[in-house]
Amino acid sequence: MTYNSNDRRRTEAAFKKVQRAEEGEKAKTEYEAEARAIREKTLRLRSLRLAKEAAELETEVKKKPVPPPDKPSPRSRLPTPKS
């Protein structure tokens, strides 16, 4: 059985079509895996950033001392009633 040139071209075209479809599926799978990895990394980094910001805010609140009153308040300057 011999193939003529038209049969050969059709067979090669069909093979290339199947091959492109397989390569497309492979590329799609790789793209989705990469996108998933990026989302997971973003979530991990966001949670680390939020934890760091919360810790910094907590230490900032703890470090902020209440200043002792150096000057007497204006109420203490008022004369006391003499009995």
PDB file of N, CA and C in Angstrom:
ATOM      1  N   MET A   1       0.846  -1.157   0.000  1.00  0.00           N
ATOM      2  CA  MET A   1       0.000   0.000   0.000  1.00  0.00           C
ATOM      3  C   MET A   1       0.902   1.234   0.000  1.00  0.00           C
ATOM      4  N   THR A   2       0.695   2.094  -0.933  1.00  0.00           N
ATOM      5  CA  THR A   2       1.502   3.303  -1.044  1.00  0.00           C
ATOM      6  C   THR A   2       0.626   4.509  -0.746  1.00  0.00           C
ATOM      7  N   TYR A   3       1.267   5.478  -0.151  1.00  0.00           N
ATOM      8  CA  TYR A   3       0.572   6.729   0.156  1.00  0.00           C
ATOM      9  C   TYR A   3       0.867   7.728  -0.943  1.00  0.00           C
ATOM     10  N   ASN A   4      -0.139   8.423  -1.362  1.00  0.00           N
ATOM     11  CA  ASN A   4       0.143   9.516  -2.273  1.00  0.00           C
ATOM     12  C   ASN A   4       0.428  10.765  -1.449  1.00  0.00           C
ATOM     13  N   SER A   5       0.828  11.836  -2.064  1.00  0.00           N
ATOM     14  CA  SER A   5       1.248  13.032  -1.340  1.00  0.00           C
ATOM     15  C   SER A   5       0.096  13.659  -0.551  1.00  0.00           C
ATOM     16  N   ASN A   6      -1.120  13.591  -1.048  1.00  0.00           N
ATOM     17  CA  ASN A   6      -2.266  14.162  -0.316  1.00  0.00           C
ATOM     18  C   ASN A   6      -2.536  13.389   0.971  1.00  0.00           C
ATOM     19  N   ASP A   7      -2.457  12.070   0.911  1.00  0.00           N
ATOM     20  CA  ASP A   7      -2.665  11.263   2.111  1.00  0.00           C
ATOM     21  C   ASP A   7      -1.597  11.567   3.149  1.00  0.00           C
ATOM     22  N   ARG A   8      -0.379  11.695   2.668  1.00  0.00           N
ATOM     23  CA  ARG A   8       0.733  11.978   3.585  1.00  0.00           C
ATOM     24  C   ARG A   8       0.543  13.344   4.246  1.00  0.00           C
ATOM     25  N   ARG A   9       0.156  14.346   3.476  1.00  0.00           N
ATOM     26  CA  ARG A   9      -0.056  15.688   4.039  1.00  0.00           C
ATOM     27  C   ARG A   9      -1.186  15.671   5.069  1.00  0.00           C
ATOM     28  N   ARG A  10      -2.248  14.973   4.768  1.00  0.00           N
ATOM     29  CA  ARG A  10      -3.365  14.888   5.721  1.00  0.00           C
ATOM     30  C   ARG A  10      -2.939  14.188   7.009  1.00  0.00           C
ATOM     31  N   THR A  11      -2.182  13.122   6.863  1.00  0.00           N
ATOM     32  CA  THR A  11      -1.706  12.380   8.038  1.00  0.00           C
ATOM     33  C   THR A  11      -0.785  13.255   8.873  1.00  0.00           C
ATOM     34  N   GLU A  12       0.139  13.965   8.221  1.00  0.00           N
ATOM     35  CA  GLU A  12       1.047  14.854   8.953  1.00  0.00           C
ATOM     36  C   GLU A  12       0.276  15.997   9.605  1.00  0.00           C
ATOM     37  N   ALA A  13      -0.708  16.542   8.925  1.00  0.00           N
ATOM     38  CA  ALA A  13      -1.510  17.628   9.490  1.00  0.00           C
ATOM     39  C   ALA A  13      -2.283  17.141  10.708  1.00  0.00           C
ATOM     40  N   ALA A  14      -2.834  15.954  10.622  1.00  0.00           N
ATOM     41  CA  ALA A  14      -3.569  15.402  11.766  1.00  0.00           C
ATOM     42  C   ALA A  14      -2.624  15.157  12.939  1.00  0.00           C
ATOM     43  N   PHE A  15      -1.434  14.654  12.647  1.00  0.00           N
ATOM     44  CA  PHE A  15      -0.455  14.408  13.698  1.00  0.00           C
ATOM     45  C   PHE A  15      -0.047  15.721  14.362  1.00  0.00           C
ATOM     46  N   LYS A  16       0.216  16.743  13.544  1.00  0.00           N
ATOM     47  CA  LYS A  16       0.613  18.048  14.097  1.00  0.00           C
ATOM     48  C   LYS A  16      -0.511  18.657  14.932  1.00  0.00           C
ATOM     49  N   LYS A  17      -1.748  18.463  14.501  1.00  0.00           N
ATOM     50  CA  LYS A  17      -2.891  18.989  15.251  1.00  0.00           C
ATOM     51  C   LYS A  17      -2.965  18.343  16.628  1.00  0.00           C
ATOM     52  N   VAL A  18      -2.789  17.026  16.675  1.00  0.00           N
ATOM     53  CA  VAL A  18      -2.807  16.306  17.950  1.00  0.00           C
ATOM     54  C   VAL A  18      -1.629  16.752  18.809  1.00  0.00           C
ATOM     55  N   GLN A  19      -0.475  16.918  18.185  1.00  0.00           N
ATOM     56  CA  GLN A  19       0.726  17.331  18.914  1.00  0.00           C
ATOM     57  C   GLN A  19       0.540  18.734  19.495  1.00  0.00           C
ATOM     58  N   ARG A  20      -0.026  19.665  18.720  1.00  0.00           N
ATOM     59  CA  ARG A  20      -0.271  21.024  19.224  1.00  0.00           C
ATOM     60  C   ARG A  20      -1.263  21.003  20.381  1.00  0.00           C
ATOM     61  N   ALA A  21      -2.269  20.164  20.285  1.00  0.00           N
ATOM     62  CA  ALA A  21      -3.260  20.060  21.363  1.00  0.00           C
ATOM     63  C   ALA A  21      -2.602  19.557  22.645  1.00  0.00           C
ATOM     64  N   GLU A  22      -1.729  18.570  22.525  1.00  0.00           N
ATOM     65  CA  GLU A  22      -1.020  18.044  23.700  1.00  0.00           C
ATOM     66  C   GLU A  22      -0.094  19.100  24.285  1.00  0.00           C
ATOM     67  N   GLU A  23       0.613  19.831  23.424  1.00  0.00           N
ATOM     68  CA  GLU A  23       1.505  20.893  23.906  1.00  0.00           C
ATOM     69  C   GLU A  23       0.700  22.010  24.579  1.00  0.00           C
ATOM     70  N   GLY A  24      -0.475  22.288  24.010  1.00  0.00           N
ATOM     71  CA  GLY A  24      -1.340  23.305  24.617  1.00  0.00           C
ATOM     72  C   GLY A  24      -1.814  22.896  25.994  1.00  0.00           C
ATOM     73  N   GLU A  25      -2.186  21.654  26.166  1.00  0.00           N
ATOM     74  CA  GLU A  25      -2.607  21.159  27.480  1.00  0.00           C
ATOM     75  C   GLU A  25      -1.450  21.234  28.479  1.00  0.00           C
ATOM     76  N   LYS A  26      -0.261  20.883  28.010  1.00  0.00           N
ATOM     77  CA  LYS A  26       0.916  20.933  28.879  1.00  0.00           C
ATOM     78  C   LYS A  26       1.202  22.373  29.295  1.00  0.00           C
ATOM     79  N   ALA A  27       1.126  23.301  28.342  1.00  0.00           N
ATOM     80  CA  ALA A  27       1.366  24.712  28.651  1.00  0.00           C
ATOM     81  C   ALA A  27       0.309  25.239  29.618  1.00  0.00           C
ATOM     82  N   LYS A  28      -0.945  24.835  29.415  1.00  0.00           N
ATOM     83  CA  LYS A  28      -2.029  25.275  30.299  1.00  0.00           C
ATOM     84  C   LYS A  28      -1.802  24.767  31.718  1.00  0.00           C
ATOM     85  N   THR A  29      -1.389  23.514  31.840  1.00  0.00           N
ATOM     86  CA  THR A  29      -1.128  22.929  33.154  1.00  0.00           C
ATOM     87  C   THR A  29       0.017  23.666  33.851  1.00  0.00           C
ATOM     88  N   GLU A  30       1.076  23.966  33.097  1.00  0.00           N
ATOM     89  CA  GLU A  30       2.211  24.700  33.671  1.00  0.00           C
ATOM     90  C   GLU A  30       1.787  26.100  34.103  1.00  0.00           C
ATOM     91  N   TYR A  31       0.985  26.769  33.277  1.00  0.00           N
ATOM     92  CA  TYR A  31       0.504  28.114  33.589  1.00  0.00           C
ATOM     93  C   TYR A  31      -0.336  28.110  34.865  1.00  0.00           C
ATOM     94  N   GLU A  32      -1.235  27.150  34.975  1.00  0.00           N
ATOM     95  CA  GLU A  32      -2.088  27.071  36.161  1.00  0.00           C
ATOM     96  C   GLU A  32      -1.281  26.756  37.410  1.00  0.00           C
ATOM     97  N   ALA A  33      -0.281  25.894  37.281  1.00  0.00           N
ATOM     98  CA  ALA A  33       0.562  25.565  38.431  1.00  0.00           C
ATOM     99  C   ALA A  33       1.355  26.794  38.874  1.00  0.00           C
ATOM    100  N   GLU A  34       1.861  27.546  37.920  1.00  0.00           N
ATOM    101  CA  GLU A  34       2.614  28.757  38.250  1.00  0.00           C
ATOM    102  C   GLU A  34       1.706  29.793  38.906  1.00  0.00           C
ATOM    103  N   ALA A  35       0.506  29.957  38.381  1.00  0.00           N
ATOM    104  CA  ALA A  35      -0.441  30.914  38.961  1.00  0.00           C
ATOM    105  C   ALA A  35      -0.812  30.512  40.388  1.00  0.00           C
ATOM    106  N   ARG A  36      -1.015  29.213  40.617  1.00  0.00           N
ATOM    107  CA  ARG A  36      -1.334  28.723  41.960  1.00  0.00           C
ATOM    108  C   ARG A  36      -0.167  29.001  42.908  1.00  0.00           C
ATOM    109  N   ALA A  37       1.066  28.767  42.452  1.00  0.00           N
ATOM    110  CA  ALA A  37       2.237  29.002  43.287  1.00  0.00           C
ATOM    111  C   ALA A  37       2.357  30.486  43.637  1.00  0.00           C
ATOM    112  N   ILE A  38       2.068  31.350  42.686  1.00  0.00           N
ATOM    113  CA  ILE A  38       2.131  32.795  42.943  1.00  0.00           C
ATOM    114  C   ILE A  38       1.077  33.201  43.963  1.00  0.00           C
ATOM    115  N   ARG A  39      -0.143  32.674  43.836  1.00  0.00           N
ATOM    116  CA  ARG A  39      -1.200  32.998  44.809  1.00  0.00           C
ATOM    117  C   ARG A  39      -0.819  32.532  46.211  1.00  0.00           C
ATOM    118  N   GLU A  40      -0.283  31.328  46.310  1.00  0.00           N
ATOM    119  CA  GLU A  40       0.117  30.800  47.620  1.00  0.00           C
ATOM    120  C   GLU A  40       1.237  31.639  48.218  1.00  0.00           C
ATOM    121  N   LYS A  41       2.205  32.019  47.402  1.00  0.00           N
ATOM    122  CA  LYS A  41       3.315  32.845  47.883  1.00  0.00           C
ATOM    123  C   LYS A  41       2.803  34.209  48.335  1.00  0.00           C
ATOM    124  N   THR A  42       1.879  34.786  47.570  1.00  0.00           N
ATOM    125  CA  THR A  42       1.318  36.079  47.932  1.00  0.00           C
ATOM    126  C   THR A  42       0.575  35.995  49.263  1.00  0.00           C
ATOM    127  N   LEU A  43      -0.215  34.946  49.448  1.00  0.00           N
ATOM    128  CA  LEU A  43      -0.928  34.774  50.718  1.00  0.00           C
ATOM    129  C   LEU A  43       0.035  34.608  51.891  1.00  0.00           C
ATOM    130  N   ARG A  44       1.097  33.845  51.672  1.00  0.00           N
ATOM    131  CA  ARG A  44       2.085  33.630  52.736  1.00  0.00           C
ATOM    132  C   ARG A  44       2.771  34.946  53.092  1.00  0.00           C
ATOM    133  N   LEU A  45       3.188  35.702  52.072  1.00  0.00           N
ATOM    134  CA  LEU A  45       3.863  36.968  52.329  1.00  0.00           C
ATOM    135  C   LEU A  45       2.929  37.985  52.973  1.00  0.00           C
ATOM    136  N   ARG A  46       1.661  37.996  52.554  1.00  0.00           N
ATOM    137  CA  ARG A  46       0.696  38.919  53.154  1.00  0.00           C
ATOM    138  C   ARG A  46       0.503  38.601  54.631  1.00  0.00           C
ATOM    139  N   SER A  47       0.396  37.321  54.967  1.00  0.00           N
ATOM    140  CA  SER A  47       0.199  36.962  56.371  1.00  0.00           C
ATOM    141  C   SER A  47       1.436  37.313  57.199  1.00  0.00           C
ATOM    142  N   LEU A  48       2.615  37.122  56.621  1.00  0.00           N
ATOM    143  CA  LEU A  48       3.835  37.520  57.338  1.00  0.00           C
ATOM    144  C   LEU A  48       3.885  39.027  57.555  1.00  0.00           C
ATOM    145  N   ARG A  49       3.504  39.797  56.531  1.00  0.00           N
ATOM    146  CA  ARG A  49       3.515  41.256  56.646  1.00  0.00           C
ATOM    147  C   ARG A  49       2.520  41.721  57.693  1.00  0.00           C
ATOM    148  N   LEU A  50       1.331  41.156  57.687  1.00  0.00           N
ATOM    149  CA  LEU A  50       0.323  41.557  58.671  1.00  0.00           C
ATOM    150  C   LEU A  50       0.750  41.197  60.087  1.00  0.00           C
ATOM    151  N   ALA A  51       1.380  40.036  60.252  1.00  0.00           N
ATOM    152  CA  ALA A  51       1.866  39.644  61.574  1.00  0.00           C
ATOM    153  C   ALA A  51       2.964  40.598  62.043  1.00  0.00           C
ATOM    154  N   LYS A  52       3.840  40.976  61.124  1.00  0.00           N
ATOM    155  CA  LYS A  52       4.926  41.908  61.468  1.00  0.00           C
ATOM    156  C   LYS A  52       4.352  43.267  61.851  1.00  0.00           C
ATOM    157  N   GLU A  53       3.391  43.761  61.075  1.00  0.00           N
ATOM    158  CA  GLU A  53       2.778  45.046  61.386  1.00  0.00           C
ATOM    159  C   GLU A  53       2.061  45.010  62.731  1.00  0.00           C
ATOM    160  N   ALA A  54       1.404  43.920  63.031  1.00  0.00           N
ATOM    161  CA  ALA A  54       0.712  43.798  64.315  1.00  0.00           C
ATOM    162  C   ALA A  54       1.718  43.789  65.463  1.00  0.00           C
ATOM    163  N   ALA A  55       2.826  43.080  65.287  1.00  0.00           N
ATOM    164  CA  ALA A  55       3.854  43.034  66.331  1.00  0.00           C
ATOM    165  C   ALA A  55       4.490  44.403  66.520  1.00  0.00           C
ATOM    166  N   GLU A  56       4.738  45.116  65.421  1.00  0.00           N
ATOM    167  CA  GLU A  56       5.318  46.455  65.530  1.00  0.00           C
ATOM    168  C   GLU A  56       4.354  47.406  66.235  1.00  0.00           C
ATOM    169  N   LEU A  57       3.089  47.303  65.916  1.00  0.00           N
ATOM    170  CA  LEU A  57       2.091  48.155  66.553  1.00  0.00           C
ATOM    171  C   LEU A  57       2.008  47.848  68.041  1.00  0.00           C
ATOM    172  N   GLU A  58       2.073  46.577  68.385  1.00  0.00           N
ATOM    173  CA  GLU A  58       2.011  46.181  69.795  1.00  0.00           C
ATOM    174  C   GLU A  58       3.221  46.711  70.565  1.00  0.00           C
ATOM    175  N   THR A  59       4.412  46.584  70.000  1.00  0.00           N
ATOM    176  CA  THR A  59       5.600  47.092  70.690  1.00  0.00           C
ATOM    177  C   THR A  59       5.587  48.610  70.739  1.00  0.00           C
ATOM    178  N   GLU A  60       5.019  49.260  69.724  1.00  0.00           N
ATOM    179  CA  GLU A  60       4.932  50.710  69.719  1.00  0.00           C
ATOM    180  C   GLU A  60       4.021  51.189  70.845  1.00  0.00           C
ATOM    181  N   VAL A  61       2.926  50.477  71.048  1.00  0.00           N
ATOM    182  CA  VAL A  61       1.998  50.834  72.116  1.00  0.00           C
ATOM    183  C   VAL A  61       2.662  50.606  73.477  1.00  0.00           C
ATOM    184  N   LYS A  62       3.421  49.517  73.603  1.00  0.00           N
ATOM    185  CA  LYS A  62       4.091  49.224  74.870  1.00  0.00           C
ATOM    186  C   LYS A  62       5.216  50.217  75.151  1.00  0.00           C
ATOM    187  N   LYS A  63       5.910  50.674  74.108  1.00  0.00           N
ATOM    188  CA  LYS A  63       7.030  51.594  74.291  1.00  0.00           C
ATOM    189  C   LYS A  63       6.570  53.007  74.619  1.00  0.00           C
ATOM    190  N   LYS A  64       5.385  53.375  74.225  1.00  0.00           N
ATOM    191  CA  LYS A  64       4.897  54.726  74.427  1.00  0.00           C
ATOM    192  C   LYS A  64       4.561  54.929  75.905  1.00  0.00           C
ATOM    193  N   PRO A  65       5.473  55.545  76.645  1.00  0.00           N
ATOM    194  CA  PRO A  65       5.214  55.719  78.081  1.00  0.00           C
ATOM    195  C   PRO A  65       4.265  56.887  78.319  1.00  0.00           C
ATOM    196  N   VAL A  66       3.595  56.807  79.420  1.00  0.00           N
ATOM    197  CA  VAL A  66       2.752  57.907  79.844  1.00  0.00           C
ATOM    198  C   VAL A  66       3.668  58.879  80.567  1.00  0.00           C
ATOM    199  N   PRO A  67       3.768  60.100  80.056  1.00  0.00           N
ATOM    200  CA  PRO A  67       4.706  61.044  80.681  1.00  0.00           C
ATOM    201  C   PRO A  67       4.239  61.411  82.085  1.00  0.00           C
ATOM    202  N   PRO A  68       5.181  61.439  83.023  1.00  0.00           N
ATOM    203  CA  PRO A  68       4.807  61.834  84.386  1.00  0.00           C
ATOM    204  C   PRO A  68       4.512  63.332  84.399  1.00  0.00           C
ATOM    205  N   PRO A  69       3.586  63.715  85.207  1.00  0.00           N
ATOM    206  CA  PRO A  69       3.266  65.152  85.240  1.00  0.00           C
ATOM    207  C   PRO A  69       4.416  65.924  85.881  1.00  0.00           C
ATOM    208  N   ASP A  70       5.112  66.718  85.075  1.00  0.00           N
ATOM    209  CA  ASP A  70       6.216  67.537  85.575  1.00  0.00           C
ATOM    210  C   ASP A  70       5.680  68.799  86.241  1.00  0.00           C
ATOM    211  N   LYS A  71       4.657  69.349  85.666  1.00  0.00           N
ATOM    212  CA  LYS A  71       4.080  70.577  86.207  1.00  0.00           C
ATOM    213  C   LYS A  71       2.784  70.205  86.913  1.00  0.00           C
ATOM    214  N   PRO A  72       2.487  70.888  87.935  1.00  0.00           N
ATOM    215  CA  PRO A  72       1.210  70.627  88.593  1.00  0.00           C
ATOM    216  C   PRO A  72       0.074  71.020  87.656  1.00  0.00           C
ATOM    217  N   SER A  73      -0.982  70.338  87.774  1.00  0.00           N
ATOM    218  CA  SER A  73      -2.130  70.644  86.928  1.00  0.00           C
ATOM    219  C   SER A  73      -2.714  71.992  87.332  1.00  0.00           C
ATOM    220  N   PRO A  74      -3.453  72.624  86.456  1.00  0.00           N
ATOM    221  CA  PRO A  74      -4.035  73.935  86.784  1.00  0.00           C
ATOM    222  C   PRO A  74      -4.971  73.869  87.986  1.00  0.00           C
ATOM    223  N   ARG A  75      -5.577  72.744  88.232  1.00  0.00           N
ATOM    224  CA  ARG A  75      -6.479  72.618  89.382  1.00  0.00           C
ATOM    225  C   ARG A  75      -5.699  72.675  90.696  1.00  0.00           C
ATOM    226  N   SER A  76      -4.475  72.207  90.669  1.00  0.00           N
ATOM    227  CA  SER A  76      -3.722  72.216  91.912  1.00  0.00           C
ATOM    228  C   SER A  76      -3.239  73.621  92.253  1.00  0.00           C
ATOM    229  N   ARG A  77      -3.306  74.530  91.339  1.00  0.00           N
ATOM    230  CA  ARG A  77      -2.895  75.916  91.577  1.00  0.00           C
ATOM    231  C   ARG A  77      -4.017  76.738  92.224  1.00  0.00           C
ATOM    232  N   LEU A  78      -5.205  76.233  92.137  1.00  0.00           N
ATOM    233  CA  LEU A  78      -6.305  76.990  92.713  1.00  0.00           C
ATOM    234  C   LEU A  78      -6.147  77.041  94.232  1.00  0.00           C
ATOM    235  N   PRO A  79      -6.492  78.164  94.789  1.00  0.00           N
ATOM    236  CA  PRO A  79      -6.379  78.240  96.259  1.00  0.00           C
ATOM    237  C   PRO A  79      -7.385  77.325  96.927  1.00  0.00           C
ATOM    238  N   THR A  80      -6.931  76.731  97.972  1.00  0.00           N
ATOM    239  CA  THR A  80      -7.805  75.832  98.701  1.00  0.00           C
ATOM    240  C   THR A  80      -8.643  76.645  99.665  1.00  0.00           C
ATOM    241  N   PRO A  81      -9.887  76.295  99.846  1.00  0.00           N
ATOM    242  CA  PRO A  81     -10.718  77.044 100.795  1.00  0.00           C
ATOM    243  C   PRO A  81     -10.209  76.854 102.222  1.00  0.00           C
ATOM    244  N   LYS A  82     -10.139  77.945 102.919  1.00  0.00           N
ATOM    245  CA  LYS A  82      -9.655  77.889 104.297  1.00  0.00           C
ATOM    246  C   LYS A  82     -10.849  77.710 105.223  1.00  0.00           C
ATOM    247  N   SER A  83     -10.697  76.806 106.143  1.00  0.00           N
ATOM    248  CA  SER A  83     -11.782  76.562 107.068  1.00  0.00           C
ATOM    249  C   SER A  83     -11.519  77.187 108.380  1.00  0.00           C
TER     250      SER A  83
END
